[in-house]
């Protein structure tokens, strides 16, 4: 994935951004262990409004524009599937 400055963002950085955005969405002050296989709804209990907040946070923190028209339910199953979706998005 490429940022607005033209730099490539590695998958580890995307997962770290997802982890931070999950914390913000859940309003948690402690670290949440988020791995590729962490289920966003089943394990973390995110609801639709928290997922929306998560997506907005990712756009801001990674300086990207998420194409919500191409967003599928499968993209929101796990942190890994969300990272795959984010990697397909273009810089803001």
N, C-alpha and C. Protein backbone atom coordinates (compact mmCIF):
# COMPACT_ATOMS: atom_id res chain seq x y z
N UNK A 1 0.85 -1.17 0.00
CA UNK A 1 0.00 0.00 0.00
C UNK A 1 0.89 1.23 0.00
N UNK A 2 0.45 2.30 -0.63
CA UNK A 2 1.23 3.53 -0.74
C UNK A 2 0.48 4.68 -0.08
N UNK A 3 1.21 5.51 0.66
CA UNK A 3 0.60 6.66 1.33
C UNK A 3 0.59 7.86 0.40
N UNK A 4 0.04 8.97 0.88
CA UNK A 4 -0.01 10.18 0.07
C UNK A 4 1.37 10.70 -0.26
N UNK A 5 2.37 10.36 0.56
CA UNK A 5 3.73 10.81 0.28
C UNK A 5 4.45 9.86 -0.67
N UNK A 6 3.75 8.80 -1.12
CA UNK A 6 4.36 7.87 -2.05
C UNK A 6 5.11 6.74 -1.38
N UNK A 7 5.12 6.70 -0.06
CA UNK A 7 5.83 5.65 0.65
C UNK A 7 4.95 4.41 0.78
N UNK A 8 5.60 3.25 0.77
CA UNK A 8 4.89 1.99 0.93
C UNK A 8 4.72 1.69 2.41
N UNK A 9 3.52 1.27 2.79
CA UNK A 9 3.25 0.90 4.17
C UNK A 9 3.26 -0.62 4.24
N UNK A 10 4.08 -1.16 5.13
CA UNK A 10 4.19 -2.61 5.26
C UNK A 10 2.99 -3.16 6.03
N UNK A 11 2.74 -4.45 5.82
CA UNK A 11 1.59 -5.10 6.44
C UNK A 11 1.63 -4.98 7.97
N UNK A 12 2.81 -5.08 8.55
CA UNK A 12 2.93 -4.94 10.00
C UNK A 12 2.44 -3.58 10.47
N UNK A 13 2.71 -2.54 9.70
CA UNK A 13 2.25 -1.21 10.06
C UNK A 13 0.74 -1.11 9.91
N UNK A 14 0.19 -1.77 8.91
CA UNK A 14 -1.27 -1.78 8.73
C UNK A 14 -1.92 -2.48 9.91
N UNK A 15 -1.38 -3.63 10.31
CA UNK A 15 -1.93 -4.36 11.46
C UNK A 15 -1.80 -3.55 12.75
N UNK A 16 -0.70 -2.83 12.90
CA UNK A 16 -0.53 -1.97 14.08
C UNK A 16 -1.57 -0.85 14.07
N UNK A 17 -1.84 -0.30 12.90
CA UNK A 17 -2.86 0.75 12.78
C UNK A 17 -4.25 0.18 13.08
N UNK A 18 -4.50 -1.05 12.64
CA UNK A 18 -5.78 -1.70 12.93
C UNK A 18 -5.91 -1.91 14.43
N UNK A 19 -4.85 -2.36 15.08
CA UNK A 19 -4.87 -2.58 16.53
C UNK A 19 -5.15 -1.28 17.27
N UNK A 20 -4.49 -0.20 16.87
CA UNK A 20 -4.70 1.10 17.51
C UNK A 20 -6.13 1.60 17.25
N UNK A 21 -6.63 1.37 16.04
CA UNK A 21 -7.99 1.81 15.72
C UNK A 21 -9.03 1.00 16.49
N UNK A 22 -8.74 -0.28 16.72
CA UNK A 22 -9.64 -1.12 17.53
C UNK A 22 -9.70 -0.57 18.95
N UNK A 23 -8.54 -0.22 19.49
CA UNK A 23 -8.51 0.36 20.83
C UNK A 23 -9.35 1.63 20.89
N UNK A 24 -9.21 2.48 19.88
CA UNK A 24 -9.98 3.72 19.84
C UNK A 24 -11.47 3.43 19.71
N UNK A 25 -11.83 2.46 18.85
CA UNK A 25 -13.23 2.13 18.64
C UNK A 25 -13.87 1.56 19.89
N UNK A 26 -13.09 0.77 20.64
CA UNK A 26 -13.61 0.16 21.87
C UNK A 26 -13.40 1.05 23.09
N UNK A 27 -12.72 2.19 22.86
CA UNK A 27 -12.41 3.13 23.93
C UNK A 27 -11.70 2.45 25.09
N UNK A 28 -10.67 1.69 24.72
CA UNK A 28 -9.88 0.95 25.71
C UNK A 28 -8.58 1.68 25.97
N UNK A 29 -8.13 1.64 27.20
CA UNK A 29 -6.87 2.28 27.54
C UNK A 29 -5.72 1.27 27.58
N UNK A 30 -6.04 -0.01 27.52
CA UNK A 30 -5.00 -1.04 27.52
C UNK A 30 -4.83 -1.61 26.13
N UNK A 31 -3.67 -2.19 25.88
CA UNK A 31 -3.40 -2.78 24.58
C UNK A 31 -4.31 -3.98 24.33
N UNK A 32 -4.77 -4.08 23.12
CA UNK A 32 -5.57 -5.21 22.68
C UNK A 32 -4.67 -6.03 21.75
N UNK A 33 -4.56 -7.32 22.03
CA UNK A 33 -3.75 -8.18 21.17
C UNK A 33 -4.52 -8.47 19.89
N UNK A 34 -4.10 -7.87 18.81
CA UNK A 34 -4.75 -8.07 17.52
C UNK A 34 -3.75 -8.74 16.59
N UNK A 35 -4.13 -9.91 16.10
CA UNK A 35 -3.30 -10.64 15.14
C UNK A 35 -4.08 -10.78 13.84
N UNK A 36 -3.44 -11.35 12.84
CA UNK A 36 -4.10 -11.57 11.55
C UNK A 36 -5.42 -12.32 11.71
N UNK A 37 -5.46 -13.25 12.65
CA UNK A 37 -6.64 -14.11 12.79
C UNK A 37 -7.67 -13.60 13.80
N UNK A 38 -7.43 -12.46 14.41
CA UNK A 38 -8.39 -11.91 15.37
C UNK A 38 -9.68 -11.52 14.66
N UNK A 39 -10.80 -12.10 15.13
CA UNK A 39 -12.11 -11.80 14.54
C UNK A 39 -12.64 -10.51 15.16
N UNK A 40 -12.98 -9.57 14.29
CA UNK A 40 -13.38 -8.24 14.74
C UNK A 40 -14.70 -8.24 15.50
N UNK A 41 -15.65 -9.04 15.08
CA UNK A 41 -16.95 -9.07 15.74
C UNK A 41 -17.00 -10.18 16.79
N UNK A 42 -16.64 -11.39 16.39
CA UNK A 42 -16.74 -12.55 17.29
C UNK A 42 -15.84 -12.44 18.52
N UNK A 43 -14.60 -12.01 18.32
CA UNK A 43 -13.66 -11.94 19.45
C UNK A 43 -13.66 -10.59 20.15
N UNK A 44 -13.69 -9.53 19.35
CA UNK A 44 -13.57 -8.19 19.92
C UNK A 44 -14.92 -7.54 20.22
N UNK A 45 -15.97 -8.07 19.62
CA UNK A 45 -17.31 -7.55 19.90
C UNK A 45 -17.63 -6.22 19.25
N UNK A 46 -16.93 -5.89 18.16
CA UNK A 46 -17.23 -4.61 17.49
C UNK A 46 -18.62 -4.63 16.89
N UNK A 47 -19.35 -3.54 17.04
CA UNK A 47 -20.65 -3.41 16.40
C UNK A 47 -20.50 -2.53 15.16
N UNK A 48 -21.60 -2.30 14.45
CA UNK A 48 -21.52 -1.58 13.17
C UNK A 48 -21.00 -0.15 13.33
N UNK A 49 -21.39 0.54 14.37
CA UNK A 49 -20.91 1.91 14.54
C UNK A 49 -19.42 1.92 14.92
N UNK A 50 -18.97 0.93 15.67
CA UNK A 50 -17.56 0.85 16.02
C UNK A 50 -16.72 0.49 14.80
N UNK A 51 -17.26 -0.36 13.93
CA UNK A 51 -16.54 -0.70 12.70
C UNK A 51 -16.42 0.54 11.82
N UNK A 52 -17.48 1.34 11.75
CA UNK A 52 -17.42 2.59 10.98
C UNK A 52 -16.33 3.50 11.54
N UNK A 53 -16.29 3.63 12.86
CA UNK A 53 -15.24 4.43 13.51
C UNK A 53 -13.86 3.88 13.24
N UNK A 54 -13.74 2.56 13.24
CA UNK A 54 -12.48 1.89 12.94
C UNK A 54 -12.01 2.25 11.53
N UNK A 55 -12.91 2.21 10.57
CA UNK A 55 -12.56 2.55 9.19
C UNK A 55 -12.13 4.01 9.06
N UNK A 56 -12.84 4.91 9.73
CA UNK A 56 -12.46 6.32 9.70
C UNK A 56 -11.09 6.54 10.32
N UNK A 57 -10.83 5.87 11.42
CA UNK A 57 -9.53 5.98 12.09
C UNK A 57 -8.42 5.47 11.19
N UNK A 58 -8.66 4.38 10.47
CA UNK A 58 -7.65 3.84 9.55
C UNK A 58 -7.37 4.81 8.42
N UNK A 59 -8.42 5.43 7.88
CA UNK A 59 -8.21 6.42 6.83
C UNK A 59 -7.30 7.55 7.30
N UNK A 60 -7.58 8.02 8.49
CA UNK A 60 -6.80 9.14 9.03
C UNK A 60 -5.37 8.72 9.37
N UNK A 61 -5.22 7.62 10.08
CA UNK A 61 -3.88 7.24 10.55
C UNK A 61 -2.96 6.76 9.43
N UNK A 62 -3.54 6.18 8.37
CA UNK A 62 -2.71 5.67 7.27
C UNK A 62 -2.71 6.61 6.06
N UNK A 63 -3.44 7.73 6.16
CA UNK A 63 -3.53 8.70 5.06
C UNK A 63 -3.96 8.02 3.76
N UNK A 64 -5.07 7.27 3.86
CA UNK A 64 -5.61 6.57 2.71
C UNK A 64 -7.08 6.91 2.56
N UNK A 65 -7.64 6.55 1.42
CA UNK A 65 -9.07 6.68 1.19
C UNK A 65 -9.62 5.28 0.97
N UNK A 66 -10.45 4.83 1.90
CA UNK A 66 -11.03 3.50 1.78
C UNK A 66 -12.20 3.54 0.80
N UNK A 67 -12.22 2.60 -0.10
CA UNK A 67 -13.29 2.51 -1.09
C UNK A 67 -14.42 1.67 -0.50
N UNK A 68 -15.31 2.33 0.22
CA UNK A 68 -16.38 1.62 0.91
C UNK A 68 -17.38 0.99 -0.07
N UNK A 69 -17.40 1.45 -1.32
CA UNK A 69 -18.28 0.83 -2.31
C UNK A 69 -17.84 -0.60 -2.62
N UNK A 70 -16.55 -0.87 -2.48
CA UNK A 70 -16.05 -2.22 -2.76
C UNK A 70 -15.89 -3.05 -1.48
N UNK A 71 -16.24 -2.48 -0.35
CA UNK A 71 -16.14 -3.18 0.93
C UNK A 71 -17.17 -4.31 0.99
N UNK A 72 -16.69 -5.50 1.32
CA UNK A 72 -17.57 -6.67 1.45
C UNK A 72 -17.57 -7.12 2.89
N UNK A 73 -18.59 -7.82 3.30
CA UNK A 73 -18.67 -8.33 4.65
C UNK A 73 -17.45 -9.18 5.00
N UNK A 74 -16.97 -9.93 4.04
CA UNK A 74 -15.78 -10.77 4.25
C UNK A 74 -14.53 -9.98 4.58
N UNK A 75 -14.50 -8.71 4.18
CA UNK A 75 -13.35 -7.85 4.47
C UNK A 75 -13.30 -7.47 5.94
N UNK A 76 -14.40 -7.67 6.66
CA UNK A 76 -14.48 -7.25 8.06
C UNK A 76 -14.49 -8.42 9.03
N UNK A 77 -14.17 -9.61 8.56
CA UNK A 77 -14.19 -10.78 9.43
C UNK A 77 -13.05 -10.75 10.43
N UNK A 78 -11.84 -10.53 9.94
CA UNK A 78 -10.68 -10.57 10.82
C UNK A 78 -9.76 -9.39 10.54
N UNK A 79 -8.78 -9.21 11.41
CA UNK A 79 -7.80 -8.15 11.19
C UNK A 79 -7.04 -8.40 9.89
N UNK A 80 -6.77 -9.66 9.59
CA UNK A 80 -6.07 -10.01 8.35
C UNK A 80 -6.88 -9.67 7.11
N UNK A 81 -8.18 -9.99 7.13
CA UNK A 81 -9.02 -9.67 5.97
C UNK A 81 -9.19 -8.16 5.82
N UNK A 82 -9.24 -7.45 6.93
CA UNK A 82 -9.31 -5.98 6.86
C UNK A 82 -7.99 -5.41 6.33
N UNK A 83 -6.87 -5.99 6.74
CA UNK A 83 -5.56 -5.55 6.23
C UNK A 83 -5.48 -5.78 4.72
N UNK A 84 -6.04 -6.88 4.24
CA UNK A 84 -6.06 -7.14 2.80
C UNK A 84 -6.87 -6.05 2.08
N UNK A 85 -8.03 -5.71 2.64
CA UNK A 85 -8.87 -4.66 2.05
C UNK A 85 -8.13 -3.33 2.04
N UNK A 86 -7.53 -2.98 3.17
CA UNK A 86 -6.80 -1.71 3.28
C UNK A 86 -5.68 -1.65 2.25
N UNK A 87 -5.01 -2.77 2.01
CA UNK A 87 -3.89 -2.77 1.06
C UNK A 87 -4.35 -2.53 -0.36
N UNK A 88 -5.64 -2.74 -0.65
CA UNK A 88 -6.18 -2.49 -1.99
C UNK A 88 -6.63 -1.04 -2.18
N UNK A 89 -6.61 -0.26 -1.12
CA UNK A 89 -7.10 1.12 -1.19
C UNK A 89 -6.00 2.08 -1.61
N UNK A 90 -6.44 3.20 -2.14
CA UNK A 90 -5.47 4.17 -2.67
C UNK A 90 -5.21 5.28 -1.64
N UNK A 91 -4.11 5.98 -1.85
CA UNK A 91 -3.80 7.11 -0.95
C UNK A 91 -4.89 8.18 -1.01
N UNK A 92 -5.05 8.89 0.08
CA UNK A 92 -6.05 9.96 0.11
C UNK A 92 -5.61 11.16 -0.68
